[in-house]
Amino acid sequence: MLTNFLQKSQGGKIGITLSIKWMVPLSNEHTDVEAAARANDFQFGWFMDPVTFGDYPSSMQHLVRDRLPKFSPKESLILKGSYDFLGVNYYTAKYVTHAPYSPLGNYSTDGCYKILSKFK
């Protein structure tokens, strides 16, 4: 694998560091709790899950469907564990509430959540 080759030939390490905002439910309502989980999948899991589990979060697969690229079994094996380190830059959290499904089918509506700019 590429990771092994680089490590042996250059002594290097390969990893990923993500800057995230953690999503917190606006209320304890079931819909808001689920919306926060989906938001974390779309904001963090989209990038972290393929390299740790070999695929996108199931919520993304379910909601985005055919517009989300598919990994072949070989690609999943290559991706899974393909790092020497994982880093997270975490500075703040955002409140999230449930948003109804929209047929627009784009990044800002696929997750069925709304990030609040102000807490009311």
PDB file of N, CA and C in Angstrom:
ATOM      1  N   MET A   1       0.837  -1.194   0.000  1.00  0.00           N
ATOM      2  CA  MET A   1       0.000   0.000   0.000  1.00  0.00           C
ATOM      3  C   MET A   1       0.877   1.252   0.000  1.00  0.00           C
ATOM      4  N   LEU A   2       0.278   2.327  -0.452  1.00  0.00           N
ATOM      5  CA  LEU A   2       0.987   3.597  -0.535  1.00  0.00           C
ATOM      6  C   LEU A   2       1.507   4.044   0.830  1.00  0.00           C
ATOM      7  N   THR A   3       0.688   3.869   1.864  1.00  0.00           N
ATOM      8  CA  THR A   3       1.104   4.279   3.205  1.00  0.00           C
ATOM      9  C   THR A   3       2.392   3.568   3.611  1.00  0.00           C
ATOM     10  N   ASN A   4       2.450   2.262   3.397  1.00  0.00           N
ATOM     11  CA  ASN A   4       3.642   1.496   3.770  1.00  0.00           C
ATOM     12  C   ASN A   4       4.860   1.930   2.968  1.00  0.00           C
ATOM     13  N   PHE A   5       4.673   2.155   1.665  1.00  0.00           N
ATOM     14  CA  PHE A   5       5.779   2.577   0.811  1.00  0.00           C
ATOM     15  C   PHE A   5       6.350   3.908   1.292  1.00  0.00           C
ATOM     16  N   LEU A   6       5.472   4.893   1.529  1.00  0.00           N
ATOM     17  CA  LEU A   6       5.951   6.215   1.958  1.00  0.00           C
ATOM     18  C   LEU A   6       6.631   6.143   3.315  1.00  0.00           C
ATOM     19  N   GLN A   7       6.058   5.376   4.203  1.00  0.00           N
ATOM     20  CA  GLN A   7       6.648   5.276   5.534  1.00  0.00           C
ATOM     21  C   GLN A   7       8.039   4.660   5.472  1.00  0.00           C
ATOM     22  N   LYS A   8       8.201   3.618   4.673  1.00  0.00           N
ATOM     23  CA  LYS A   8       9.506   2.959   4.569  1.00  0.00           C
ATOM     24  C   LYS A   8      10.515   3.808   3.816  1.00  0.00           C
ATOM     25  N   SER A   9      10.082   4.440   2.720  1.00  0.00           N
ATOM     26  CA  SER A   9      11.035   5.180   1.891  1.00  0.00           C
ATOM     27  C   SER A   9      11.314   6.581   2.411  1.00  0.00           C
ATOM     28  N   GLN A  10      10.366   7.201   3.091  1.00  0.00           N
ATOM     29  CA  GLN A  10      10.533   8.584   3.523  1.00  0.00           C
ATOM     30  C   GLN A  10      10.397   8.778   5.023  1.00  0.00           C
ATOM     31  N   GLY A  11       9.955   7.757   5.727  1.00  0.00           N
ATOM     32  CA  GLY A  11       9.753   7.894   7.159  1.00  0.00           C
ATOM     33  C   GLY A  11       8.553   8.768   7.494  1.00  0.00           C
ATOM     34  N   GLY A  12       7.658   8.941   6.520  1.00  0.00           N
ATOM     35  CA  GLY A  12       6.528   9.841   6.707  1.00  0.00           C
ATOM     36  C   GLY A  12       5.326   9.178   7.350  1.00  0.00           C
ATOM     37  N   LYS A  13       4.403  10.010   7.728  1.00  0.00           N
ATOM     38  CA  LYS A  13       3.125   9.587   8.291  1.00  0.00           C
ATOM     39  C   LYS A  13       2.020  10.233   7.461  1.00  0.00           C
ATOM     40  N   ILE A  14       0.919   9.526   7.314  1.00  0.00           N
ATOM     41  CA  ILE A  14      -0.225  10.036   6.570  1.00  0.00           C
ATOM     42  C   ILE A  14      -1.411  10.077   7.512  1.00  0.00           C
ATOM     43  N   GLY A  15      -2.115  11.201   7.491  1.00  0.00           N
ATOM     44  CA  GLY A  15      -3.288  11.324   8.334  1.00  0.00           C
ATOM     45  C   GLY A  15      -4.209  12.395   7.811  1.00  0.00           C
ATOM     46  N   ILE A  16      -5.245  12.604   8.555  1.00  0.00           N
ATOM     47  CA  ILE A  16      -6.229  13.618   8.211  1.00  0.00           C
ATOM     48  C   ILE A  16      -6.577  14.385   9.480  1.00  0.00           C
ATOM     49  N   THR A  17      -6.711  15.680   9.345  1.00  0.00           N
ATOM     50  CA  THR A  17      -7.172  16.521  10.447  1.00  0.00           C
ATOM     51  C   THR A  17      -8.377  17.298   9.944  1.00  0.00           C
ATOM     52  N   LEU A  18      -9.479  17.163  10.649  1.00  0.00           N
ATOM     53  CA  LEU A  18     -10.718  17.824  10.250  1.00  0.00           C
ATOM     54  C   LEU A  18     -11.048  18.945  11.223  1.00  0.00           C
ATOM     55  N   SER A  19     -11.507  20.048  10.691  1.00  0.00           N
ATOM     56  CA  SER A  19     -12.034  21.135  11.518  1.00  0.00           C
ATOM     57  C   SER A  19     -13.540  20.968  11.553  1.00  0.00           C
ATOM     58  N   ILE A  20     -14.067  20.812  12.752  1.00  0.00           N
ATOM     59  CA  ILE A  20     -15.493  20.531  12.858  1.00  0.00           C
ATOM     60  C   ILE A  20     -16.189  21.486  13.821  1.00  0.00           C
ATOM     61  N   LYS A  21     -17.467  21.598  13.623  1.00  0.00           N
ATOM     62  CA  LYS A  21     -18.383  22.197  14.592  1.00  0.00           C
ATOM     63  C   LYS A  21     -19.288  21.048  15.019  1.00  0.00           C
ATOM     64  N   TRP A  22     -19.322  20.750  16.296  1.00  0.00           N
ATOM     65  CA  TRP A  22     -20.175  19.663  16.772  1.00  0.00           C
ATOM     66  C   TRP A  22     -21.601  20.159  16.824  1.00  0.00           C
ATOM     67  N   MET A  23     -22.536  19.324  16.387  1.00  0.00           N
ATOM     68  CA  MET A  23     -23.939  19.702  16.325  1.00  0.00           C
ATOM     69  C   MET A  23     -24.681  19.175  17.547  1.00  0.00           C
ATOM     70  N   VAL A  24     -25.387  20.088  18.205  1.00  0.00           N
ATOM     71  CA  VAL A  24     -26.100  19.795  19.442  1.00  0.00           C
ATOM     72  C   VAL A  24     -27.587  20.004  19.197  1.00  0.00           C
ATOM     73  N   PRO A  25     -28.453  19.087  19.662  1.00  0.00           N
ATOM     74  CA  PRO A  25     -29.886  19.280  19.436  1.00  0.00           C
ATOM     75  C   PRO A  25     -30.408  20.522  20.171  1.00  0.00           C
ATOM     76  N   LEU A  26     -31.285  21.250  19.508  1.00  0.00           N
ATOM     77  CA  LEU A  26     -31.878  22.442  20.111  1.00  0.00           C
ATOM     78  C   LEU A  26     -32.704  22.078  21.331  1.00  0.00           C
ATOM     79  N   SER A  27     -33.355  20.935  21.290  1.00  0.00           N
ATOM     80  CA  SER A  27     -34.196  20.494  22.409  1.00  0.00           C
ATOM     81  C   SER A  27     -33.983  18.997  22.608  1.00  0.00           C
ATOM     82  N   ASN A  28     -34.662  18.458  23.608  1.00  0.00           N
ATOM     83  CA  ASN A  28     -34.610  17.021  23.846  1.00  0.00           C
ATOM     84  C   ASN A  28     -35.647  16.263  23.035  1.00  0.00           C
ATOM     85  N   GLU A  29     -36.362  16.974  22.175  1.00  0.00           N
ATOM     86  CA  GLU A  29     -37.341  16.322  21.302  1.00  0.00           C
ATOM     87  C   GLU A  29     -36.621  15.311  20.417  1.00  0.00           C
ATOM     88  N   HIS A  30     -37.268  14.189  20.202  1.00  0.00           N
ATOM     89  CA  HIS A  30     -36.693  13.109  19.391  1.00  0.00           C
ATOM     90  C   HIS A  30     -36.259  13.607  18.015  1.00  0.00           C
ATOM     91  N   THR A  31     -37.059  14.462  17.402  1.00  0.00           N
ATOM     92  CA  THR A  31     -36.736  14.955  16.057  1.00  0.00           C
ATOM     93  C   THR A  31     -35.459  15.795  16.057  1.00  0.00           C
ATOM     94  N   ASP A  32     -35.255  16.606  17.103  1.00  0.00           N
ATOM     95  CA  ASP A  32     -34.046  17.423  17.183  1.00  0.00           C
ATOM     96  C   ASP A  32     -32.813  16.576  17.493  1.00  0.00           C
ATOM     97  N   VAL A  33     -32.972  15.569  18.346  1.00  0.00           N
ATOM     98  CA  VAL A  33     -31.859  14.669  18.674  1.00  0.00           C
ATOM     99  C   VAL A  33     -31.406  13.930  17.418  1.00  0.00           C
ATOM    100  N   GLU A  34     -32.361  13.429  16.638  1.00  0.00           N
ATOM    101  CA  GLU A  34     -32.022  12.748  15.389  1.00  0.00           C
ATOM    102  C   GLU A  34     -31.422  13.714  14.371  1.00  0.00           C
ATOM    103  N   ALA A  35     -31.934  14.950  14.338  1.00  0.00           N
ATOM    104  CA  ALA A  35     -31.390  15.954  13.417  1.00  0.00           C
ATOM    105  C   ALA A  35     -29.927  16.249  13.743  1.00  0.00           C
ATOM    106  N   ALA A  36     -29.592  16.321  15.027  1.00  0.00           N
ATOM    107  CA  ALA A  36     -28.200  16.574  15.417  1.00  0.00           C
ATOM    108  C   ALA A  36     -27.305  15.408  15.000  1.00  0.00           C
ATOM    109  N   ALA A  37     -27.797  14.186  15.138  1.00  0.00           N
ATOM    110  CA  ALA A  37     -27.010  13.019  14.711  1.00  0.00           C
ATOM    111  C   ALA A  37     -26.782  13.061  13.200  1.00  0.00           C
ATOM    112  N   ARG A  38     -27.830  13.389  12.446  1.00  0.00           N
ATOM    113  CA  ARG A  38     -27.676  13.501  10.988  1.00  0.00           C
ATOM    114  C   ARG A  38     -26.708  14.621  10.633  1.00  0.00           C
ATOM    115  N   ALA A  39     -26.833  15.750  11.315  1.00  0.00           N
ATOM    116  CA  ALA A  39     -25.947  16.884  11.039  1.00  0.00           C
ATOM    117  C   ALA A  39     -24.491  16.510  11.299  1.00  0.00           C
ATOM    118  N   ASN A  40     -24.228  15.781  12.370  1.00  0.00           N
ATOM    119  CA  ASN A  40     -22.855  15.332  12.638  1.00  0.00           C
ATOM    120  C   ASN A  40     -22.376  14.361  11.567  1.00  0.00           C
ATOM    121  N   ASP A  41     -23.281  13.532  11.068  1.00  0.00           N
ATOM    122  CA  ASP A  41     -22.913  12.640   9.962  1.00  0.00           C
ATOM    123  C   ASP A  41     -22.543  13.449   8.723  1.00  0.00           C
ATOM    124  N   PHE A  42     -23.330  14.471   8.400  1.00  0.00           N
ATOM    125  CA  PHE A  42     -23.086  15.263   7.202  1.00  0.00           C
ATOM    126  C   PHE A  42     -21.905  16.219   7.357  1.00  0.00           C
ATOM    127  N   GLN A  43     -21.631  16.682   8.565  1.00  0.00           N
ATOM    128  CA  GLN A  43     -20.551  17.638   8.783  1.00  0.00           C
ATOM    129  C   GLN A  43     -19.207  16.959   9.101  1.00  0.00           C
ATOM    130  N   PHE A  44     -19.250  15.811   9.762  1.00  0.00           N
ATOM    131  CA  PHE A  44     -18.038  15.149  10.234  1.00  0.00           C
ATOM    132  C   PHE A  44     -17.890  13.740   9.638  1.00  0.00           C
ATOM    133  N   GLY A  45     -18.945  12.958   9.732  1.00  0.00           N
ATOM    134  CA  GLY A  45     -18.907  11.585   9.263  1.00  0.00           C
ATOM    135  C   GLY A  45     -18.654  11.448   7.774  1.00  0.00           C
ATOM    136  N   TRP A  46     -19.088  12.436   7.004  1.00  0.00           N
ATOM    137  CA  TRP A  46     -18.890  12.413   5.555  1.00  0.00           C
ATOM    138  C   TRP A  46     -17.417  12.192   5.210  1.00  0.00           C
ATOM    139  N   PHE A  47     -16.531  12.791   6.003  1.00  0.00           N
ATOM    140  CA  PHE A  47     -15.094  12.708   5.752  1.00  0.00           C
ATOM    141  C   PHE A  47     -14.416  11.641   6.611  1.00  0.00           C
ATOM    142  N   MET A  48     -14.879  11.469   7.846  1.00  0.00           N
ATOM    143  CA  MET A  48     -14.220  10.554   8.773  1.00  0.00           C
ATOM    144  C   MET A  48     -14.640   9.093   8.582  1.00  0.00           C
ATOM    145  N   ASP A  49     -15.912   8.855   8.304  1.00  0.00           N
ATOM    146  CA  ASP A  49     -16.382   7.472   8.197  1.00  0.00           C
ATOM    147  C   ASP A  49     -15.703   6.676   7.080  1.00  0.00           C
ATOM    148  N   PRO A  50     -15.498   7.241   5.895  1.00  0.00           N
ATOM    149  CA  PRO A  50     -14.820   6.425   4.872  1.00  0.00           C
ATOM    150  C   PRO A  50     -13.436   5.941   5.287  1.00  0.00           C
ATOM    151  N   VAL A  51     -12.658   6.766   5.976  1.00  0.00           N
ATOM    152  CA  VAL A  51     -11.303   6.328   6.347  1.00  0.00           C
ATOM    153  C   VAL A  51     -11.290   5.460   7.604  1.00  0.00           C
ATOM    154  N   THR A  52     -12.339   5.501   8.395  1.00  0.00           N
ATOM    155  CA  THR A  52     -12.388   4.658   9.592  1.00  0.00           C
ATOM    156  C   THR A  52     -13.234   3.399   9.398  1.00  0.00           C
ATOM    157  N   PHE A  53     -14.314   3.499   8.617  1.00  0.00           N
ATOM    158  CA  PHE A  53     -15.228   2.359   8.431  1.00  0.00           C
ATOM    159  C   PHE A  53     -15.308   1.873   6.979  1.00  0.00           C
ATOM    160  N   GLY A  54     -14.752   2.635   6.029  1.00  0.00           N
ATOM    161  CA  GLY A  54     -14.770   2.218   4.637  1.00  0.00           C
ATOM    162  C   GLY A  54     -16.002   2.620   3.858  1.00  0.00           C
ATOM    163  N   ASP A  55     -16.872   3.435   4.454  1.00  0.00           N
ATOM    164  CA  ASP A  55     -18.075   3.872   3.745  1.00  0.00           C
ATOM    165  C   ASP A  55     -18.644   5.123   4.398  1.00  0.00           C
ATOM    166  N   TYR A  56     -19.564   5.755   3.698  1.00  0.00           N
ATOM    167  CA  TYR A  56     -20.234   6.943   4.218  1.00  0.00           C
ATOM    168  C   TYR A  56     -21.213   6.553   5.317  1.00  0.00           C
ATOM    169  N   PRO A  57     -21.585   7.506   6.197  1.00  0.00           N
ATOM    170  CA  PRO A  57     -22.581   7.206   7.227  1.00  0.00           C
ATOM    171  C   PRO A  57     -23.888   6.708   6.596  1.00  0.00           C
ATOM    172  N   SER A  58     -24.549   5.790   7.284  1.00  0.00           N
ATOM    173  CA  SER A  58     -25.784   5.209   6.743  1.00  0.00           C
ATOM    174  C   SER A  58     -26.859   6.267   6.527  1.00  0.00           C
ATOM    175  N   SER A  59     -26.899   7.294   7.376  1.00  0.00           N
ATOM    176  CA  SER A  59     -27.913   8.341   7.186  1.00  0.00           C
ATOM    177  C   SER A  59     -27.695   9.069   5.858  1.00  0.00           C
ATOM    178  N   MET A  60     -26.443   9.286   5.489  1.00  0.00           N
ATOM    179  CA  MET A  60     -26.152   9.927   4.203  1.00  0.00           C
ATOM    180  C   MET A  60     -26.537   8.999   3.050  1.00  0.00           C
ATOM    181  N   GLN A  61     -26.216   7.731   3.177  1.00  0.00           N
ATOM    182  CA  GLN A  61     -26.561   6.785   2.126  1.00  0.00           C
ATOM    183  C   GLN A  61     -28.073   6.741   1.911  1.00  0.00           C
ATOM    184  N   HIS A  62     -28.815   6.771   3.014  1.00  0.00           N
ATOM    185  CA  HIS A  62     -30.272   6.707   2.947  1.00  0.00           C
ATOM    186  C   HIS A  62     -30.870   7.986   2.349  1.00  0.00           C
ATOM    187  N   LEU A  63     -30.368   9.136   2.755  1.00  0.00           N
ATOM    188  CA  LEU A  63     -30.966  10.406   2.331  1.00  0.00           C
ATOM    189  C   LEU A  63     -30.477  10.897   0.963  1.00  0.00           C
ATOM    190  N   VAL A  64     -29.220  10.698   0.663  1.00  0.00           N
ATOM    191  CA  VAL A  64     -28.662  11.212  -0.590  1.00  0.00           C
ATOM    192  C   VAL A  64     -28.866  10.211  -1.734  1.00  0.00           C
ATOM    193  N   ARG A  65     -28.926   8.964  -1.408  1.00  0.00           N
ATOM    194  CA  ARG A  65     -29.168   7.870  -2.345  1.00  0.00           C
ATOM    195  C   ARG A  65     -28.201   7.854  -3.517  1.00  0.00           C
ATOM    196  N   ASP A  66     -28.709   7.871  -4.737  1.00  0.00           N
ATOM    197  CA  ASP A  66     -27.877   7.692  -5.933  1.00  0.00           C
ATOM    198  C   ASP A  66     -26.921   8.845  -6.211  1.00  0.00           C
ATOM    199  N   ARG A  67     -27.137   9.992  -5.587  1.00  0.00           N
ATOM    200  CA  ARG A  67     -26.229  11.123  -5.808  1.00  0.00           C
ATOM    201  C   ARG A  67     -24.943  10.991  -4.997  1.00  0.00           C
ATOM    202  N   LEU A  68     -24.922  10.088  -4.040  1.00  0.00           N
ATOM    203  CA  LEU A  68     -23.725   9.851  -3.236  1.00  0.00           C
ATOM    204  C   LEU A  68     -22.887   8.781  -3.923  1.00  0.00           C
ATOM    205  N   PRO A  69     -21.629   9.076  -4.229  1.00  0.00           N
ATOM    206  CA  PRO A  69     -20.797   8.061  -4.892  1.00  0.00           C
ATOM    207  C   PRO A  69     -20.695   6.795  -4.044  1.00  0.00           C
ATOM    208  N   LYS A  70     -20.535   5.681  -4.705  1.00  0.00           N
ATOM    209  CA  LYS A  70     -20.405   4.391  -4.028  1.00  0.00           C
ATOM    210  C   LYS A  70     -18.944   3.945  -4.078  1.00  0.00           C
ATOM    211  N   PHE A  71     -18.496   3.365  -2.967  1.00  0.00           N
ATOM    212  CA  PHE A  71     -17.165   2.776  -2.931  1.00  0.00           C
ATOM    213  C   PHE A  71     -17.275   1.316  -3.338  1.00  0.00           C
ATOM    214  N   SER A  72     -16.359   0.881  -4.172  1.00  0.00           N
ATOM    215  CA  SER A  72     -16.300  -0.548  -4.485  1.00  0.00           C
ATOM    216  C   SER A  72     -15.756  -1.263  -3.246  1.00  0.00           C
ATOM    217  N   PRO A  73     -15.942  -2.579  -3.155  1.00  0.00           N
ATOM    218  CA  PRO A  73     -15.354  -3.301  -2.016  1.00  0.00           C
ATOM    219  C   PRO A  73     -13.842  -3.075  -1.909  1.00  0.00           C
ATOM    220  N   LYS A  74     -13.155  -3.026  -3.030  1.00  0.00           N
ATOM    221  CA  LYS A  74     -11.706  -2.795  -3.013  1.00  0.00           C
ATOM    222  C   LYS A  74     -11.390  -1.393  -2.483  1.00  0.00           C
ATOM    223  N   GLU A  75     -12.139  -0.382  -2.939  1.00  0.00           N
ATOM    224  CA  GLU A  75     -11.919   0.988  -2.457  1.00  0.00           C
ATOM    225  C   GLU A  75     -12.167   1.089  -0.959  1.00  0.00           C
ATOM    226  N   SER A  76     -13.216   0.417  -0.481  1.00  0.00           N
ATOM    227  CA  SER A  76     -13.509   0.426   0.958  1.00  0.00           C
ATOM    228  C   SER A  76     -12.361  -0.151   1.764  1.00  0.00           C
ATOM    229  N   LEU A  77     -11.794  -1.266   1.289  1.00  0.00           N
ATOM    230  CA  LEU A  77     -10.656  -1.879   1.981  1.00  0.00           C
ATOM    231  C   LEU A  77      -9.443  -0.962   1.993  1.00  0.00           C
ATOM    232  N   ILE A  78      -9.199  -0.279   0.868  1.00  0.00           N
ATOM    233  CA  ILE A  78      -8.061   0.639   0.790  1.00  0.00           C
ATOM    234  C   ILE A  78      -8.250   1.820   1.731  1.00  0.00           C
ATOM    235  N   LEU A  79      -9.467   2.355   1.791  1.00  0.00           N
ATOM    236  CA  LEU A  79      -9.753   3.521   2.632  1.00  0.00           C
ATOM    237  C   LEU A  79      -9.711   3.201   4.121  1.00  0.00           C
ATOM    238  N   LYS A  80     -10.325   2.089   4.497  1.00  0.00           N
ATOM    239  CA  LYS A  80     -10.477   1.735   5.908  1.00  0.00           C
ATOM    240  C   LYS A  80      -9.120   1.585   6.575  1.00  0.00           C
ATOM    241  N   GLY A  81      -8.856   2.443   7.546  1.00  0.00           N
ATOM    242  CA  GLY A  81      -7.601   2.388   8.292  1.00  0.00           C
ATOM    243  C   GLY A  81      -6.402   2.907   7.519  1.00  0.00           C
ATOM    244  N   SER A  82      -6.632   3.738   6.521  1.00  0.00           N
ATOM    245  CA  SER A  82      -5.542   4.220   5.657  1.00  0.00           C
ATOM    246  C   SER A  82      -4.838   5.448   6.223  1.00  0.00           C
ATOM    247  N   TYR A  83      -4.644   5.486   7.502  1.00  0.00           N
ATOM    248  CA  TYR A  83      -4.035   6.649   8.147  1.00  0.00           C
ATOM    249  C   TYR A  83      -3.112   6.187   9.268  1.00  0.00           C
ATOM    250  N   ASP A  84      -2.172   7.056   9.574  1.00  0.00           N
ATOM    251  CA  ASP A  84      -1.307   6.823  10.726  1.00  0.00           C
ATOM    252  C   ASP A  84      -1.775   7.632  11.931  1.00  0.00           C
ATOM    253  N   PHE A  85      -2.504   8.712  11.656  1.00  0.00           N
ATOM    254  CA  PHE A  85      -3.038   9.532  12.747  1.00  0.00           C
ATOM    255  C   PHE A  85      -4.344  10.178  12.289  1.00  0.00           C
ATOM    256  N   LEU A  86      -5.172  10.514  13.260  1.00  0.00           N
ATOM    257  CA  LEU A  86      -6.398  11.270  13.031  1.00  0.00           C
ATOM    258  C   LEU A  86      -6.347  12.503  13.920  1.00  0.00           C
ATOM    259  N   GLY A  87      -6.711  13.637  13.356  1.00  0.00           N
ATOM    260  CA  GLY A  87      -6.729  14.861  14.139  1.00  0.00           C
ATOM    261  C   GLY A  87      -8.078  15.546  14.014  1.00  0.00           C
ATOM    262  N   VAL A  88      -8.462  16.247  15.056  1.00  0.00           N
ATOM    263  CA  VAL A  88      -9.716  17.002  15.044  1.00  0.00           C
ATOM    264  C   VAL A  88      -9.442  18.377  15.630  1.00  0.00           C
ATOM    265  N   ASN A  89      -9.776  19.400  14.863  1.00  0.00           N
ATOM    266  CA  ASN A  89      -9.786  20.775  15.376  1.00  0.00           C
ATOM    267  C   ASN A  89     -11.223  21.088  15.738  1.00  0.00           C
ATOM    268  N   TYR A  90     -11.459  21.301  17.009  1.00  0.00           N
ATOM    269  CA  TYR A  90     -12.820  21.512  17.495  1.00  0.00           C
ATOM    270  C   TYR A  90     -12.839  22.818  18.276  1.00  0.00           C
ATOM    271  N   TYR A  91     -13.603  23.777  17.793  1.00  0.00           N
ATOM    272  CA  TYR A  91     -13.620  25.084  18.424  1.00  0.00           C
ATOM    273  C   TYR A  91     -14.975  25.464  18.999  1.00  0.00           C
ATOM    274  N   THR A  92     -16.041  24.978  18.418  1.00  0.00           N
ATOM    275  CA  THR A  92     -17.356  25.404  18.865  1.00  0.00           C
ATOM    276  C   THR A  92     -18.406  24.362  18.510  1.00  0.00           C
ATOM    277  N   ALA A  93     -19.576  24.570  19.017  1.00  0.00           N
ATOM    278  CA  ALA A  93     -20.725  23.727  18.693  1.00  0.00           C
ATOM    279  C   ALA A  93     -21.831  24.616  18.143  1.00  0.00           C
ATOM    280  N   LYS A  94     -22.760  24.012  17.445  1.00  0.00           N
ATOM    281  CA  LYS A  94     -23.906  24.729  16.887  1.00  0.00           C
ATOM    282  C   LYS A  94     -25.172  23.993  17.280  1.00  0.00           C
ATOM    283  N   TYR A  95     -26.232  24.755  17.520  1.00  0.00           N
ATOM    284  CA  TYR A  95     -27.538  24.147  17.764  1.00  0.00           C
ATOM    285  C   TYR A  95     -28.177  23.778  16.438  1.00  0.00           C
ATOM    286  N   VAL A  96     -28.874  22.638  16.455  1.00  0.00           N
ATOM    287  CA  VAL A  96     -29.505  22.107  15.255  1.00  0.00           C
ATOM    288  C   VAL A  96     -30.938  21.713  15.588  1.00  0.00           C
ATOM    289  N   THR A  97     -31.807  21.920  14.624  1.00  0.00           N
ATOM    290  CA  THR A  97     -33.192  21.482  14.766  1.00  0.00           C
ATOM    291  C   THR A  97     -33.589  20.714  13.507  1.00  0.00           C
ATOM    292  N   HIS A  98     -34.644  19.953  13.624  1.00  0.00           N
ATOM    293  CA  HIS A  98     -35.140  19.169  12.497  1.00  0.00           C
ATOM    294  C   HIS A  98     -35.678  20.093  11.413  1.00  0.00           C
ATOM    295  N   ALA A  99     -35.447  19.736  10.177  1.00  0.00           N
ATOM    296  CA  ALA A  99     -36.027  20.436   9.032  1.00  0.00           C
ATOM    297  C   ALA A  99     -36.706  19.386   8.164  1.00  0.00           C
ATOM    298  N   PRO A 100     -37.847  19.720   7.607  1.00  0.00           N
ATOM    299  CA  PRO A 100     -38.544  18.723   6.786  1.00  0.00           C
ATOM    300  C   PRO A 100     -37.762  18.384   5.516  1.00  0.00           C
ATOM    301  N   TYR A 101     -38.057  17.216   4.974  1.00  0.00           N
ATOM    302  CA  TYR A 101     -37.434  16.780   3.731  1.00  0.00           C
ATOM    303  C   TYR A 101     -37.752  17.781   2.625  1.00  0.00           C
ATOM    304  N   SER A 102     -36.769  18.051   1.788  1.00  0.00           N
ATOM    305  CA  SER A 102     -36.957  18.927   0.635  1.00  0.00           C
ATOM    306  C   SER A 102     -36.588  18.166  -0.634  1.00  0.00           C
ATOM    307  N   PRO A 103     -37.420  18.253  -1.649  1.00  0.00           N
ATOM    308  CA  PRO A 103     -37.103  17.559  -2.902  1.00  0.00           C
ATOM    309  C   PRO A 103     -36.012  18.249  -3.720  1.00  0.00           C
ATOM    310  N   LEU A 104     -35.453  19.352  -3.222  1.00  0.00           N
ATOM    311  CA  LEU A 104     -34.413  20.060  -3.963  1.00  0.00           C
ATOM    312  C   LEU A 104     -33.194  19.182  -4.205  1.00  0.00           C
ATOM    313  N   GLY A 105     -32.896  18.321  -3.260  1.00  0.00           N
ATOM    314  CA  GLY A 105     -31.784  17.392  -3.425  1.00  0.00           C
ATOM    315  C   GLY A 105     -30.443  18.073  -3.553  1.00  0.00           C
ATOM    316  N   ASN A 106     -30.061  18.842  -2.531  1.00  0.00           N
ATOM    317  CA  ASN A 106     -28.728  19.441  -2.544  1.00  0.00           C
ATOM    318  C   ASN A 106     -28.130  19.377  -1.143  1.00  0.00           C
ATOM    319  N   TYR A 107     -26.861  19.715  -1.048  1.00  0.00           N
ATOM    320  CA  TYR A 107     -26.126  19.580   0.208  1.00  0.00           C
ATOM    321  C   TYR A 107     -26.814  20.287   1.377  1.00  0.00           C
ATOM    322  N   SER A 108     -27.373  21.448   1.133  1.00  0.00           N
ATOM    323  CA  SER A 108     -27.943  22.223   2.239  1.00  0.00           C
ATOM    324  C   SER A 108     -29.277  21.671   2.736  1.00  0.00           C
ATOM    325  N   THR A 109     -29.918  20.782   1.988  1.00  0.00           N
ATOM    326  CA  THR A 109     -31.217  20.250   2.419  1.00  0.00           C
ATOM    327  C   THR A 109     -31.228  18.744   2.637  1.00  0.00           C
ATOM    328  N   ASP A 110     -30.243  18.020   2.121  1.00  0.00           N
ATOM    329  CA  ASP A 110     -30.257  16.551   2.180  1.00  0.00           C
ATOM    330  C   ASP A 110     -30.357  15.985   3.591  1.00  0.00           C
ATOM    331  N   GLY A 111     -29.709  16.598   4.548  1.00  0.00           N
ATOM    332  CA  GLY A 111     -29.662  16.047   5.900  1.00  0.00           C
ATOM    333  C   GLY A 111     -30.900  16.278   6.737  1.00  0.00           C
ATOM    334  N   CYS A 112     -31.843  17.063   6.245  1.00  0.00           N
ATOM    335  CA  CYS A 112     -33.093  17.353   6.967  1.00  0.00           C
ATOM    336  C   CYS A 112     -32.808  17.947   8.351  1.00  0.00           C
ATOM    337  N   TYR A 113     -31.898  18.899   8.398  1.00  0.00           N
ATOM    338  CA  TYR A 113     -31.601  19.622   9.632  1.00  0.00           C
ATOM    339  C   TYR A 113     -31.349  21.085   9.289  1.00  0.00           C
ATOM    340  N   LYS A 114     -31.484  21.924  10.314  1.00  0.00           N
ATOM    341  CA  LYS A 114     -31.207  23.344  10.140  1.00  0.00           C
ATOM    342  C   LYS A 114     -30.263  23.769  11.254  1.00  0.00           C
ATOM    343  N   ILE A 115     -29.144  24.385  10.857  1.00  0.00           N
ATOM    344  CA  ILE A 115     -28.188  24.918  11.829  1.00  0.00           C
ATOM    345  C   ILE A 115     -28.656  26.314  12.199  1.00  0.00           C
ATOM    346  N   LEU A 116     -28.790  26.547  13.480  1.00  0.00           N
ATOM    347  CA  LEU A 116     -29.301  27.832  13.938  1.00  0.00           C
ATOM    348  C   LEU A 116     -28.155  28.820  14.153  1.00  0.00           C
ATOM    349  N   SER A 117     -28.347  30.026  13.653  1.00  0.00           N
ATOM    350  CA  SER A 117     -27.305  31.036  13.816  1.00  0.00           C
ATOM    351  C   SER A 117     -27.423  31.718  15.178  1.00  0.00           C
ATOM    352  N   LYS A 118     -28.632  31.720  15.730  1.00  0.00           N
ATOM    353  CA  LYS A 118     -28.834  32.310  17.050  1.00  0.00           C
ATOM    354  C   LYS A 118     -29.730  31.395  17.861  1.00  0.00           C
ATOM    355  N   PHE A 119     -29.462  31.315  19.159  1.00  0.00           N
ATOM    356  CA  PHE A 119     -30.296  30.547  20.041  1.00  0.00           C
ATOM    357  C   PHE A 119     -31.446  31.417  20.491  1.00  0.00           C
ATOM    358  N   LYS A 120     -32.654  30.950  20.285  1.00  0.00           N
ATOM    359  CA  LYS A 120     -33.848  31.760  20.646  1.00  0.00           C
ATOM    360  C   LYS A 120     -34.410  31.322  21.958  1.00  0.00           C
TER     361      LYS A 120
END
